[in-house]
C-alpha atoms as a PDB file:
ATOM      1  CA  MET A   1       0.000   0.000   0.000  1.00  0.00           C
ATOM      2  CA  THR A   2       1.325   3.432  -0.817  1.00  0.00           C
ATOM      3  CA  ASP A   3       0.863   6.516   1.327  1.00  0.00           C
ATOM      4  CA  HIS A   4      -2.139   7.451  -0.803  1.00  0.00           C
ATOM      5  CA  GLY A   5      -3.992   4.177  -0.263  1.00  0.00           C
ATOM      6  CA  LEU A   6      -3.454   2.951  -3.830  1.00  0.00           C
ATOM      7  CA  ILE A   7      -2.047  -0.534  -4.177  1.00  0.00           C
ATOM      8  CA  ASP A   8       1.518  -0.526  -5.468  1.00  0.00           C
ATOM      9  CA  HIS A   9       2.080  -3.471  -7.781  1.00  0.00           C
ATOM     10  CA  GLY A  10       5.580  -2.440  -8.761  1.00  0.00           C
ATOM     11  CA  LEU A  11       6.211  -3.095 -12.412  1.00  0.00           C
ATOM     12  CA  ILE A  12       3.994  -5.274 -14.603  1.00  0.00           C
ATOM     13  CA  ASP A  13       5.835  -6.083 -17.793  1.00  0.00           C
ATOM     14  CA  HIS A  14       4.654  -8.392 -20.569  1.00  0.00           C
ATOM     15  CA  GLY A  15       7.499  -7.415 -22.919  1.00  0.00           C
ATOM     16  CA  LEU A  16       5.248  -5.497 -25.326  1.00  0.00           C
ATOM     17  CA  THR A  17       5.952  -2.339 -27.293  1.00  0.00           C
ATOM     18  CA  ASP A  18       3.716   0.199 -28.963  1.00  0.00           C
ATOM     19  CA  ARG A  19       3.939   0.961 -32.693  1.00  0.00           C
ATOM     20  CA  THR A  20       6.629   3.586 -32.069  1.00  0.00           C
ATOM     21  CA  GLY A  21       8.853   1.022 -30.316  1.00  0.00           C
ATOM     22  CA  ARG A  22       8.285   2.217 -26.754  1.00  0.00           C
ATOM     23  CA  HIS A  23       8.297  -0.484 -24.078  1.00  0.00           C
ATOM     24  CA  VAL A  24       4.805  -0.552 -22.493  1.00  0.00           C
ATOM     25  CA  THR A  25       4.558  -1.382 -18.797  1.00  0.00           C
ATOM     26  CA  LEU A  26       2.062  -0.929 -16.000  1.00  0.00           C
ATOM     27  CA  ARG A  27       3.185   0.467 -12.677  1.00  0.00           C
ATOM     28  CA  GLY A  28       1.589   1.185  -9.358  1.00  0.00           C
ATOM     29  CA  VAL A  29       0.399   4.729  -8.781  1.00  0.00           C
ATOM     30  CA  ASP A  30       2.562   6.347  -6.130  1.00  0.00           C
ATOM     31  CA  GLY A  31       3.914   9.651  -4.831  1.00  0.00           C
ATOM     32  CA  ASP A  32       6.146  10.026  -7.887  1.00  0.00           C
ATOM     33  CA  ASN A  33       3.607   9.546 -10.670  1.00  0.00           C
ATOM     34  CA  TRP A  34       0.104  10.243  -9.339  1.00  0.00           C
ATOM     35  CA  ARG A  35      -0.037  13.798 -10.703  1.00  0.00           C
ATOM     36  CA  ALA A  36       0.925  12.688 -14.208  1.00  0.00           C
ATOM     37  CA  VAL A  37      -1.691   9.917 -14.043  1.00  0.00           C
ATOM     38  CA  ALA A  38      -4.386  12.277 -12.709  1.00  0.00           C
ATOM     39  CA  ASP A  39      -3.798  14.637 -15.651  1.00  0.00           C
ATOM     40  CA  ILE A  40      -4.335  11.953 -18.324  1.00  0.00           C
ATOM     41  CA  ALA A  41      -7.193  13.129 -20.559  1.00  0.00           C
ATOM     42  CA  PRO A  42      -8.918  11.460 -23.516  1.00  0.00           C
ATOM     43  CA  LEU A  43      -9.685  13.202 -26.768  1.00  0.00           C
ATOM     44  CA  ASP A  44     -12.626  15.594 -26.503  1.00  0.00           C
ATOM     45  CA  GLY A  45     -14.894  13.323 -28.566  1.00  0.00           C
ATOM     46  CA  GLN A  46     -14.358  10.430 -26.134  1.00  0.00           C
ATOM     47  CA  ARG A  47     -15.692  12.139 -23.039  1.00  0.00           C
ATOM     48  CA  ASP A  48     -19.073  10.483 -23.483  1.00  0.00           C
ATOM     49  CA  HIS A  49     -17.309   7.147 -22.905  1.00  0.00           C
ATOM     50  CA  VAL A  50     -14.631   7.852 -20.278  1.00  0.00           C
ATOM     51  CA  ALA A  51     -13.941  10.380 -17.550  1.00  0.00           C
ATOM     52  CA  ALA A  52     -12.614  13.782 -18.629  1.00  0.00           C
ATOM     53  CA  LEU A  53      -9.514  13.180 -16.491  1.00  0.00           C
ATOM     54  CA  ALA A  54      -8.022   9.963 -15.089  1.00  0.00           C
ATOM     55  CA  GLY A  55      -8.066  11.705 -11.687  1.00  0.00           C
ATOM     56  CA  ARG A  56     -11.673  10.502 -11.311  1.00  0.00           C
ATOM     57  CA  TYR A  57     -10.505   6.897 -11.554  1.00  0.00           C
ATOM     58  CA  LEU A  58      -7.740   7.539  -9.033  1.00  0.00           C
ATOM     59  CA  LEU A  59     -10.360   8.785  -6.581  1.00  0.00           C
ATOM     60  CA  LEU A  60     -12.448   5.643  -7.136  1.00  0.00           C
ATOM     61  CA  SER A  61      -9.376   3.563  -6.287  1.00  0.00           C
ATOM     62  CA  LEU A  62      -8.622   5.680  -3.259  1.00  0.00           C
ATOM     63  CA  TYR A  63     -12.092   5.907  -1.732  1.00  0.00           C
ATOM     64  CA  GLU A  64     -13.709   2.621  -2.746  1.00  0.00           C
ATOM     65  CA  ASP A  65     -12.410  -0.803  -1.810  1.00  0.00           C
ATOM     66  CA  THR A  66     -13.035  -2.274  -5.253  1.00  0.00           C
ATOM     67  CA  TRP A  67     -10.685  -0.739  -7.832  1.00  0.00           C
ATOM     68  CA  HIS A  68      -6.883  -0.639  -8.017  1.00  0.00           C
ATOM     69  CA  SER A  69      -5.266   1.962 -10.280  1.00  0.00           C
ATOM     70  CA  LEU A  70      -2.235   1.416 -12.483  1.00  0.00           C
ATOM     71  CA  ALA A  71      -0.247   3.879 -14.561  1.00  0.00           C
ATOM     72  CA  VAL A  72       0.387   2.983 -18.194  1.00  0.00           C
ATOM     73  CA  TYR A  73       3.919   3.824 -19.293  1.00  0.00           C
ATOM     74  CA  GLY A  74       5.490   4.117 -22.731  1.00  0.00           C
ATOM     75  CA  ASP A  75       9.175   3.766 -21.822  1.00  0.00           C
ATOM     76  CA  ASP A  76       9.519   6.197 -18.888  1.00  0.00           C
ATOM     77  CA  THR A  77       6.541   8.438 -19.711  1.00  0.00           C
ATOM     78  CA  VAL A  78       3.084   8.132 -18.151  1.00  0.00           C
ATOM     79  CA  THR A  79       0.738   7.708 -21.113  1.00  0.00           C
ATOM     80  CA  GLY A  80      -2.447   6.381 -19.553  1.00  0.00           C
ATOM     81  CA  HIS A  81      -4.412   4.851 -16.717  1.00  0.00           C
ATOM     82  CA  VAL A  82      -6.135   1.512 -16.194  1.00  0.00           C
ATOM     83  CA  MET A  83      -7.641  -0.120 -13.134  1.00  0.00           C
ATOM     84  CA  TRP A  84      -8.575  -3.627 -12.110  1.00  0.00           C
ATOM     85  CA  ALA A  85     -10.803  -5.288  -9.519  1.00  0.00           C
ATOM     86  CA  ARG A  86     -11.829  -8.742  -8.337  1.00  0.00           C
ATOM     87  CA  ASP A  87     -15.558  -9.430  -8.197  1.00  0.00           C
ATOM     88  CA  ASP A  88     -17.332 -11.528  -5.574  1.00  0.00           C
ATOM     89  CA  ASP A  89     -17.767 -14.336  -8.137  1.00  0.00           C
ATOM     90  CA  GLY A  90     -13.982 -14.575  -8.569  1.00  0.00           C
ATOM     91  CA  SER A  91     -13.842 -12.867 -11.949  1.00  0.00           C
ATOM     92  CA  TYR A  92     -11.419 -10.041 -12.518  1.00  0.00           C
ATOM     93  CA  TRP A  93     -12.470  -6.766 -14.114  1.00  0.00           C
ATOM     94  CA  ILE A  94     -10.659  -4.110 -16.105  1.00  0.00           C
ATOM     95  CA  GLY A  95     -12.001  -0.565 -15.922  1.00  0.00           C
ATOM     96  CA  GLY A  96     -11.137   3.085 -16.169  1.00  0.00           C
ATOM     97  CA  MET A  97      -8.805   2.720 -19.113  1.00  0.00           C
ATOM     98  CA  VAL A  98      -7.849   5.971 -20.750  1.00  0.00           C
ATOM     99  CA  VAL A  99      -4.871   6.743 -22.956  1.00  0.00           C
ATOM    100  CA  ASP A 100      -3.819  10.384 -23.106  1.00  0.00           C
ATOM    101  CA  GLY A 101      -5.265  12.015 -26.233  1.00  0.00           C
ATOM    102  CA  PRO A 102      -1.937  12.847 -27.938  1.00  0.00           C
ATOM    103  CA  GLU A 103      -0.704   9.292 -27.268  1.00  0.00           C
ATOM    104  CA  GLN A 104      -3.640   7.530 -28.923  1.00  0.00           C
ATOM    105  CA  GLY A 105      -3.324   5.553 -32.129  1.00  0.00           C
ATOM    106  CA  LYS A 106       0.104   4.183 -31.220  1.00  0.00           C
ATOM    107  CA  GLY A 107      -0.945   0.813 -29.803  1.00  0.00           C
ATOM    108  CA  LEU A 108      -0.598   1.778 -26.137  1.00  0.00           C
ATOM    109  CA  GLY A 109      -4.149   0.722 -25.235  1.00  0.00           C
ATOM    110  CA  ARG A 110      -3.743  -2.669 -26.905  1.00  0.00           C
ATOM    111  CA  ALA A 111      -0.412  -3.286 -25.182  1.00  0.00           C
ATOM    112  CA  ALA A 112      -1.796  -2.124 -21.826  1.00  0.00           C
ATOM    113  CA  VAL A 113      -4.810  -4.458 -22.027  1.00  0.00           C
ATOM    114  CA  ARG A 114      -2.640  -7.391 -23.120  1.00  0.00           C
ATOM    115  CA  THR A 115      -0.204  -6.696 -20.286  1.00  0.00           C
ATOM    116  CA  LEU A 116      -2.954  -6.445 -17.684  1.00  0.00           C
ATOM    117  CA  THR A 117      -4.852  -9.527 -18.905  1.00  0.00           C
ATOM    118  CA  GLY A 118      -1.624 -11.531 -18.811  1.00  0.00           C
ATOM    119  CA  TRP A 119      -0.978 -10.435 -15.241  1.00  0.00           C
ATOM    120  CA  LEU A 120      -4.563 -10.983 -14.098  1.00  0.00           C
ATOM    121  CA  ALA A 121      -4.782 -14.437 -15.722  1.00  0.00           C
ATOM    122  CA  ARG A 122      -1.904 -15.576 -13.501  1.00  0.00           C
ATOM    123  CA  ARG A 123      -3.584 -14.438 -10.297  1.00  0.00           C
ATOM    124  CA  GLU A 124      -4.961 -17.104  -8.005  1.00  0.00           C
ATOM    125  CA  GLY A 125      -8.455 -18.225  -8.916  1.00  0.00           C
ATOM    126  CA  CYS A 126      -8.728 -16.171 -12.102  1.00  0.00           C
ATOM    127  CA  GLU A 127     -11.119 -17.934 -14.470  1.00  0.00           C
ATOM    128  CA  ALA A 128     -12.333 -14.947 -16.477  1.00  0.00           C
ATOM    129  CA  ILE A 129     -11.462 -11.321 -17.116  1.00  0.00           C
ATOM    130  CA  ARG A 130     -14.349  -8.952 -17.803  1.00  0.00           C
ATOM    131  CA  LEU A 131     -14.846  -5.359 -18.758  1.00  0.00           C
ATOM    132  CA  SER A 132     -17.672  -3.177 -19.958  1.00  0.00           C
ATOM    133  CA  TYR A 133     -17.856  -0.415 -22.523  1.00  0.00           C
ATOM    134  CA  ASP A 134     -20.413   1.934 -24.023  1.00  0.00           C
ATOM    135  CA  PRO A 135     -21.813   0.251 -27.168  1.00  0.00           C
ATOM    136  CA  ALA A 136     -21.438   3.590 -28.991  1.00  0.00           C
ATOM    137  CA  ASN A 137     -17.674   3.334 -28.405  1.00  0.00           C
ATOM    138  CA  THR A 138     -17.021   1.235 -31.487  1.00  0.00           C
ATOM    139  CA  VAL A 139     -13.255   1.759 -31.325  1.00  0.00           C
ATOM    140  CA  ALA A 140     -13.125   0.170 -27.859  1.00  0.00           C
ATOM    141  CA  GLY A 141     -15.474  -2.613 -28.964  1.00  0.00           C
ATOM    142  CA  SER A 142     -13.231  -3.455 -31.914  1.00  0.00           C
ATOM    143  CA  LEU A 143     -10.113  -3.419 -29.743  1.00  0.00           C
ATOM    144  CA  TYR A 144     -11.589  -5.749 -27.134  1.00  0.00           C
ATOM    145  CA  ALA A 145     -13.002  -8.135 -29.764  1.00  0.00           C
ATOM    146  CA  SER A 146      -9.607  -8.300 -31.492  1.00  0.00           C
ATOM    147  CA  LEU A 147      -8.046  -9.287 -28.141  1.00  0.00           C
ATOM    148  CA  GLY A 148     -10.496 -12.180 -27.722  1.00  0.00           C
ATOM    149  CA  PHE A 149     -13.139 -10.632 -25.450  1.00  0.00           C
ATOM    150  CA  ARG A 150     -16.624 -11.975 -26.190  1.00  0.00           C
ATOM    151  CA  PRO A 151     -20.029 -10.537 -25.194  1.00  0.00           C
ATOM    152  CA  THR A 152     -21.622 -12.186 -22.165  1.00  0.00           C
ATOM    153  CA  GLY A 153     -25.117 -10.890 -22.886  1.00  0.00           C
ATOM    154  CA  ALA A 154     -25.060  -8.931 -19.621  1.00  0.00           C
ATOM    155  CA  ARG A 155     -25.154  -5.158 -19.202  1.00  0.00           C
ATOM    156  CA  GLU A 156     -23.476  -3.019 -16.572  1.00  0.00           C
ATOM    157  CA  ASP A 157     -24.836   0.543 -16.295  1.00  0.00           C
ATOM    158  CA  ASP A 158     -26.022   0.439 -19.948  1.00  0.00           C
ATOM    159  CA  GLU A 159     -22.622  -0.848 -21.076  1.00  0.00           C
ATOM    160  CA  VAL A 160     -21.896  -4.097 -22.920  1.00  0.00           C
ATOM    161  CA  VAL A 161     -20.100  -6.661 -20.723  1.00  0.00           C
ATOM    162  CA  VAL A 162     -17.440  -8.744 -22.476  1.00  0.00           C
ATOM    163  CA  GLU A 163     -15.313 -11.565 -21.127  1.00  0.00           C
ATOM    164  CA  LEU A 164     -12.012 -13.242 -21.878  1.00  0.00           C
ATOM    165  CA  ALA A 165     -11.411 -16.736 -20.532  1.00  0.00           C
ATOM    166  CA  ALA A 166      -8.215 -16.678 -18.476  1.00  0.00           C
ATOM    167  CA  GLN A 167      -6.960 -19.899 -20.075  1.00  0.00           C
ATOM    168  CA  LEU A 168      -6.858 -18.090 -23.440  1.00  0.00           C
ATOM    169  CA  VAL A 169      -4.333 -15.634 -22.003  1.00  0.00           C
ATOM    170  CA  ARG A 170      -2.002 -17.931 -20.094  1.00  0.00           C
END
């Protein structure tokens, strides 16, 4: 646990790079990087689908016992935010993913999701990894489908719930 109540997972590295060749890793949010993470903002047209600033997701991680925030790095630069949680049924969830507007289109989101799913799939008891997205967010839907996520038929706050079997990641 860091001083700010966010879980520090150290470095999560799946050996992936973005399309510009930057090494993509996930790191715990701590006293050194929380401001850079909080300032992550999507493109203006995406604000119907994600928070205007990643700071909202940091507050969810800080004040609720469900979510755990991670910083997305391209080499040594904070480029995004993603969070994870474990549900009562044993499934793991990905949420609050946002890549900084100027960093989008470089493969950071894909590498971040692949890195996080690889890490989550190795956690004890992980059978499935789930996430939800606004059905109007076709870019996110295409990304998740290309990574093997399949619709469950469920909805979460008017969002489509998709799932990836952990054994497909291992």
